[in-house]
Amino acid sequence: MQNIDLYTPSGIIINMKEIAEFVKTKRKQAKLTQPELAERAGVGLRFIRELESNKETLRLDKVNAVLRLFGHTLGPVPLKREIE
């Protein structure tokens, strides 16, 4: 499975595997089941399962819906480019 890298506002590269692990860890710390997290985030149970299992293609709006429950979000970050 391909790792997809994302840039956070702080410039840190995070791949989807790290996001999956983050969500799973936060869910367990909050003592939520996957169905409870899905309900609170307004997404389907299948989406939560796919997110936590590091599925390659996911809708970012739904990823953000889940991350918002834990006080986080993904967003666009400008890339630093060297001028030649």
N, C-alpha and C. Protein backbone atom coordinates (compact mmCIF):
# COMPACT_ATOMS: atom_id res chain seq x y z
N MET A 1 0.83 -1.18 0.00
CA MET A 1 0.00 0.00 0.00
C MET A 1 0.88 1.25 0.00
N GLN A 2 0.53 2.23 -0.81
CA GLN A 2 1.31 3.46 -0.93
C GLN A 2 1.06 4.36 0.27
N ASN A 3 2.12 4.99 0.78
CA ASN A 3 1.98 5.99 1.83
C ASN A 3 1.78 7.34 1.19
N ILE A 4 0.78 8.07 1.62
CA ILE A 4 0.50 9.39 1.10
C ILE A 4 0.94 10.39 2.16
N ASP A 5 1.84 11.30 1.79
CA ASP A 5 2.33 12.28 2.74
C ASP A 5 1.49 13.55 2.68
N LEU A 6 1.23 14.13 3.85
CA LEU A 6 0.49 15.37 3.96
C LEU A 6 1.33 16.34 4.78
N TYR A 7 1.18 17.62 4.50
CA TYR A 7 1.88 18.64 5.27
C TYR A 7 0.90 19.30 6.23
N THR A 8 1.29 19.44 7.47
CA THR A 8 0.46 20.12 8.46
C THR A 8 0.82 21.60 8.44
N PRO A 9 0.00 22.47 9.07
CA PRO A 9 0.34 23.90 9.12
C PRO A 9 1.71 24.18 9.74
N SER A 10 2.19 23.30 10.60
CA SER A 10 3.51 23.51 11.20
C SER A 10 4.63 23.04 10.27
N GLY A 11 4.26 22.49 9.10
CA GLY A 11 5.25 22.06 8.14
C GLY A 11 5.70 20.62 8.31
N ILE A 12 5.14 19.92 9.26
CA ILE A 12 5.52 18.54 9.52
C ILE A 12 4.85 17.63 8.50
N ILE A 13 5.61 16.72 7.95
CA ILE A 13 5.03 15.76 7.01
C ILE A 13 4.42 14.62 7.81
N ILE A 14 3.18 14.33 7.53
CA ILE A 14 2.48 13.23 8.18
C ILE A 14 1.94 12.33 7.08
N ASN A 15 2.14 11.04 7.21
CA ASN A 15 1.56 10.16 6.20
C ASN A 15 0.27 9.57 6.73
N MET A 16 -0.49 8.97 5.84
CA MET A 16 -1.81 8.45 6.22
C MET A 16 -1.70 7.38 7.30
N LYS A 17 -0.60 6.64 7.32
CA LYS A 17 -0.43 5.63 8.36
C LYS A 17 -0.38 6.29 9.73
N GLU A 18 0.31 7.42 9.84
CA GLU A 18 0.39 8.14 11.11
C GLU A 18 -0.98 8.69 11.51
N ILE A 19 -1.75 9.16 10.53
CA ILE A 19 -3.09 9.67 10.82
C ILE A 19 -3.97 8.53 11.32
N ALA A 20 -3.87 7.37 10.68
CA ALA A 20 -4.64 6.21 11.11
C ALA A 20 -4.30 5.83 12.55
N GLU A 21 -3.02 5.81 12.86
CA GLU A 21 -2.59 5.47 14.22
C GLU A 21 -3.03 6.53 15.22
N PHE A 22 -2.96 7.80 14.83
CA PHE A 22 -3.39 8.90 15.68
C PHE A 22 -4.86 8.75 16.04
N VAL A 23 -5.70 8.53 15.03
CA VAL A 23 -7.15 8.42 15.26
C VAL A 23 -7.44 7.22 16.15
N LYS A 24 -6.82 6.10 15.88
CA LYS A 24 -7.06 4.90 16.68
C LYS A 24 -6.65 5.11 18.14
N THR A 25 -5.49 5.72 18.35
CA THR A 25 -5.01 5.99 19.70
C THR A 25 -5.94 6.95 20.43
N LYS A 26 -6.31 8.04 19.77
CA LYS A 26 -7.21 9.02 20.39
C LYS A 26 -8.57 8.42 20.69
N ARG A 27 -9.07 7.57 19.79
CA ARG A 27 -10.38 6.92 20.02
C ARG A 27 -10.31 6.05 21.26
N LYS A 28 -9.23 5.28 21.38
CA LYS A 28 -9.10 4.39 22.55
C LYS A 28 -8.91 5.19 23.83
N GLN A 29 -8.16 6.29 23.77
CA GLN A 29 -7.99 7.14 24.95
C GLN A 29 -9.32 7.73 25.40
N ALA A 30 -10.18 8.03 24.45
CA ALA A 30 -11.50 8.58 24.75
C ALA A 30 -12.50 7.48 25.12
N LYS A 31 -12.03 6.23 25.10
CA LYS A 31 -12.87 5.06 25.41
C LYS A 31 -14.11 5.00 24.53
N LEU A 32 -13.87 5.22 23.23
CA LEU A 32 -14.94 5.14 22.25
C LEU A 32 -14.76 3.90 21.39
N THR A 33 -15.86 3.29 21.03
CA THR A 33 -15.81 2.20 20.06
C THR A 33 -15.81 2.83 18.67
N GLN A 34 -15.50 2.04 17.67
CA GLN A 34 -15.57 2.55 16.30
C GLN A 34 -16.97 3.04 15.96
N PRO A 35 -18.04 2.30 16.30
CA PRO A 35 -19.39 2.80 16.01
C PRO A 35 -19.70 4.12 16.72
N GLU A 36 -19.23 4.28 17.96
CA GLU A 36 -19.47 5.53 18.69
C GLU A 36 -18.74 6.70 18.03
N LEU A 37 -17.50 6.47 17.61
CA LEU A 37 -16.74 7.52 16.94
C LEU A 37 -17.42 7.91 15.62
N ALA A 38 -17.85 6.92 14.88
CA ALA A 38 -18.53 7.18 13.61
C ALA A 38 -19.77 8.05 13.83
N GLU A 39 -20.55 7.71 14.84
CA GLU A 39 -21.77 8.47 15.12
C GLU A 39 -21.44 9.91 15.52
N ARG A 40 -20.47 10.08 16.40
CA ARG A 40 -20.11 11.42 16.87
C ARG A 40 -19.53 12.28 15.75
N ALA A 41 -18.80 11.66 14.84
CA ALA A 41 -18.19 12.41 13.74
C ALA A 41 -19.13 12.60 12.56
N GLY A 42 -20.24 11.89 12.55
CA GLY A 42 -21.19 12.00 11.45
C GLY A 42 -20.72 11.30 10.19
N VAL A 43 -19.96 10.22 10.38
CA VAL A 43 -19.49 9.42 9.25
C VAL A 43 -19.93 7.98 9.48
N GLY A 44 -19.77 7.16 8.46
CA GLY A 44 -20.16 5.77 8.58
C GLY A 44 -19.11 4.92 9.30
N LEU A 45 -19.56 3.82 9.84
CA LEU A 45 -18.65 2.89 10.51
C LEU A 45 -17.60 2.38 9.53
N ARG A 46 -18.01 2.10 8.32
CA ARG A 46 -17.05 1.62 7.31
C ARG A 46 -15.92 2.63 7.11
N PHE A 47 -16.25 3.93 7.10
CA PHE A 47 -15.23 4.95 6.94
C PHE A 47 -14.22 4.90 8.08
N ILE A 48 -14.70 4.77 9.31
CA ILE A 48 -13.80 4.71 10.47
C ILE A 48 -12.89 3.49 10.35
N ARG A 49 -13.44 2.37 9.96
CA ARG A 49 -12.63 1.16 9.80
C ARG A 49 -11.57 1.35 8.72
N GLU A 50 -11.95 1.98 7.61
CA GLU A 50 -11.00 2.22 6.53
C GLU A 50 -9.94 3.23 6.95
N LEU A 51 -10.33 4.25 7.69
CA LEU A 51 -9.38 5.25 8.18
C LEU A 51 -8.35 4.61 9.11
N GLU A 52 -8.83 3.83 10.06
CA GLU A 52 -7.93 3.20 11.03
C GLU A 52 -7.08 2.09 10.41
N SER A 53 -7.47 1.59 9.27
CA SER A 53 -6.67 0.55 8.62
C SER A 53 -5.80 1.13 7.50
N ASN A 54 -5.69 2.48 7.47
CA ASN A 54 -4.78 3.16 6.55
C ASN A 54 -5.17 2.98 5.09
N LYS A 55 -6.46 3.10 4.79
CA LYS A 55 -6.89 3.01 3.39
C LYS A 55 -6.27 4.15 2.59
N GLU A 56 -5.87 3.84 1.39
CA GLU A 56 -5.14 4.76 0.53
C GLU A 56 -5.95 5.98 0.11
N THR A 57 -7.21 5.78 -0.20
CA THR A 57 -8.04 6.88 -0.70
C THR A 57 -9.21 7.12 0.25
N LEU A 58 -9.23 8.30 0.83
CA LEU A 58 -10.29 8.69 1.75
C LEU A 58 -10.69 10.13 1.46
N ARG A 59 -11.93 10.46 1.73
CA ARG A 59 -12.39 11.84 1.56
C ARG A 59 -11.83 12.69 2.70
N LEU A 60 -11.12 13.74 2.34
CA LEU A 60 -10.49 14.58 3.35
C LEU A 60 -11.50 15.31 4.23
N ASP A 61 -12.69 15.63 3.69
CA ASP A 61 -13.68 16.27 4.54
C ASP A 61 -14.12 15.35 5.67
N LYS A 62 -14.19 14.07 5.38
CA LYS A 62 -14.56 13.11 6.42
C LYS A 62 -13.40 12.88 7.39
N VAL A 63 -12.17 12.87 6.88
CA VAL A 63 -11.01 12.76 7.77
C VAL A 63 -11.02 13.94 8.73
N ASN A 64 -11.26 15.13 8.21
CA ASN A 64 -11.31 16.32 9.06
C ASN A 64 -12.45 16.26 10.06
N ALA A 65 -13.58 15.70 9.69
CA ALA A 65 -14.70 15.56 10.62
C ALA A 65 -14.29 14.72 11.83
N VAL A 66 -13.53 13.67 11.58
CA VAL A 66 -13.05 12.81 12.66
C VAL A 66 -11.99 13.54 13.47
N LEU A 67 -11.03 14.15 12.79
CA LEU A 67 -9.94 14.84 13.48
C LEU A 67 -10.44 16.00 14.34
N ARG A 68 -11.49 16.68 13.89
CA ARG A 68 -12.04 17.80 14.67
C ARG A 68 -12.50 17.37 16.06
N LEU A 69 -12.96 16.15 16.17
CA LEU A 69 -13.39 15.65 17.49
C LEU A 69 -12.24 15.63 18.48
N PHE A 70 -11.02 15.54 17.96
CA PHE A 70 -9.84 15.48 18.81
C PHE A 70 -9.04 16.79 18.75
N GLY A 71 -9.68 17.85 18.24
CA GLY A 71 -9.05 19.16 18.22
C GLY A 71 -7.97 19.33 17.16
N HIS A 72 -8.06 18.60 16.06
CA HIS A 72 -7.07 18.68 14.98
C HIS A 72 -7.77 18.82 13.64
N THR A 73 -7.01 19.22 12.64
CA THR A 73 -7.51 19.32 11.28
C THR A 73 -6.36 19.21 10.29
N LEU A 74 -6.68 18.85 9.08
CA LEU A 74 -5.72 18.88 7.98
C LEU A 74 -6.02 20.11 7.15
N GLY A 75 -5.01 20.63 6.50
CA GLY A 75 -5.25 21.78 5.64
C GLY A 75 -4.10 22.00 4.69
N PRO A 76 -4.30 22.86 3.69
CA PRO A 76 -3.25 23.13 2.72
C PRO A 76 -2.13 23.95 3.34
N VAL A 77 -0.94 23.60 2.98
CA VAL A 77 0.25 24.30 3.46
C VAL A 77 1.13 24.60 2.24
N PRO A 78 1.56 25.85 2.10
CA PRO A 78 2.40 26.15 0.94
C PRO A 78 3.73 25.41 1.01
N LEU A 79 4.17 24.96 -0.13
CA LEU A 79 5.45 24.28 -0.22
C LEU A 79 6.54 25.33 -0.37
N LYS A 80 7.67 25.10 0.29
CA LYS A 80 8.82 25.99 0.11
C LYS A 80 9.56 25.55 -1.14
N ARG A 81 9.71 26.46 -2.07
CA ARG A 81 10.39 26.16 -3.32
C ARG A 81 11.62 27.04 -3.46
N GLU A 82 12.68 26.44 -3.90
CA GLU A 82 13.89 27.20 -4.15
C GLU A 82 13.77 27.87 -5.52
N ILE A 83 14.16 29.11 -5.58
CA ILE A 83 14.14 29.85 -6.85
C ILE A 83 15.47 29.62 -7.53
N GLU A 84 15.40 29.19 -8.77
CA GLU A 84 16.63 28.91 -9.53
C GLU A 84 17.04 30.08 -10.36
